[in-house]
Protein backbone atom coordinates (compact mmCIF):
# COMPACT_ATOMS: atom_id res chain seq x y z
CA MET A 1 -10.23 -3.99 24.58
CA SER A 2 -9.79 -1.88 27.45
CA LYS A 3 -9.78 1.78 26.93
CA ILE A 4 -6.56 3.57 27.41
CA ASN A 5 -5.83 7.23 27.83
CA TYR A 6 -4.46 8.80 24.72
CA LYS A 7 -1.49 10.25 26.45
CA ILE A 8 -0.46 6.86 27.81
CA GLN A 9 -0.75 5.25 24.39
CA PHE A 10 1.11 7.88 22.86
CA ILE A 11 4.09 7.53 25.54
CA LEU A 12 3.90 3.70 24.89
CA PHE A 13 4.11 4.42 21.18
CA VAL A 14 7.12 6.86 21.69
CA ILE A 15 8.82 4.30 23.96
CA CYS A 16 8.31 1.62 21.35
CA LEU A 17 10.00 3.84 18.84
CA PHE A 18 13.02 4.66 20.85
CA PHE A 19 14.01 1.02 21.23
CA ILE A 20 13.39 0.55 17.69
CA GLY A 21 15.78 3.40 17.06
CA LEU A 22 18.20 1.80 19.43
CA GLY A 23 18.09 -1.91 17.86
CA ILE A 24 18.54 -0.08 14.47
CA PHE A 25 21.45 2.07 15.91
CA GLN A 26 23.22 -1.22 17.14
CA VAL A 27 22.61 -3.10 13.94
CA SER A 28 24.02 -0.25 11.81
CA ASP A 29 26.85 0.14 14.45
CA GLU A 30 27.67 -3.82 14.39
CA GLY A 31 26.95 -4.27 10.89
CA LEU A 32 24.43 -7.20 9.77
CA LYS A 33 25.61 -10.54 10.78
CA THR A 34 24.85 -13.66 9.20
CA GLY A 35 22.61 -17.00 9.78
CA ASN A 36 21.43 -17.62 13.37
CA GLU A 37 23.44 -14.77 14.62
CA LEU A 38 21.35 -12.39 12.31
CA PHE A 39 18.16 -13.89 13.69
CA TRP A 40 19.15 -13.08 17.23
CA GLN A 41 20.36 -9.56 16.17
CA ILE A 42 17.15 -8.54 14.86
CA SER A 43 14.52 -10.35 17.32
CA HIS A 44 15.42 -8.11 20.04
CA PHE A 45 13.57 -5.34 18.80
CA VAL A 46 10.62 -7.32 17.09
CA PRO A 47 8.40 -6.86 20.27
CA PHE A 48 9.23 -3.24 20.08
CA VAL A 49 8.09 -3.16 16.36
CA MET A 50 4.82 -5.03 17.25
CA GLY A 51 4.13 -2.78 20.08
CA ALA A 52 4.52 0.36 17.83
CA ILE A 53 2.27 -1.19 15.30
CA VAL A 54 -0.52 -1.87 17.75
CA PHE A 55 -0.26 1.36 19.59
CA GLY A 56 0.03 3.33 16.25
CA VAL A 57 -3.27 1.70 14.87
CA ASN A 58 -5.06 2.27 18.15
CA LEU A 59 -4.32 5.98 18.16
CA TYR A 60 -5.26 6.19 14.30
CA SER A 61 -8.38 4.67 14.66
CA LYS A 62 -9.59 6.72 17.59
CA HIS A 63 -8.36 10.01 15.75
CA ILE A 64 -10.53 8.76 12.92
CA GLN A 65 -13.45 7.91 15.04
CA LYS A 66 -13.42 11.10 16.80
CA PHE A 67 -13.88 12.86 13.53
CA LYS A 68 -16.65 10.58 12.50
CA VAL A 69 -18.76 11.54 15.54
């Protein structure tokens, strides 16, 4: 995996969290739908959840490696 600067990873992490928050706000504002509509309602922010997990793990693992050396 290519090395990305900590600041860039943190910015991408914050952007992912922002869009997750927007998705949660939209769901809470409209209420949960049912069936197929629920799938489409939730699927809009799934990529941002996955991105937040990836960037969070990268930042955390690099933080741990920094203290091991």
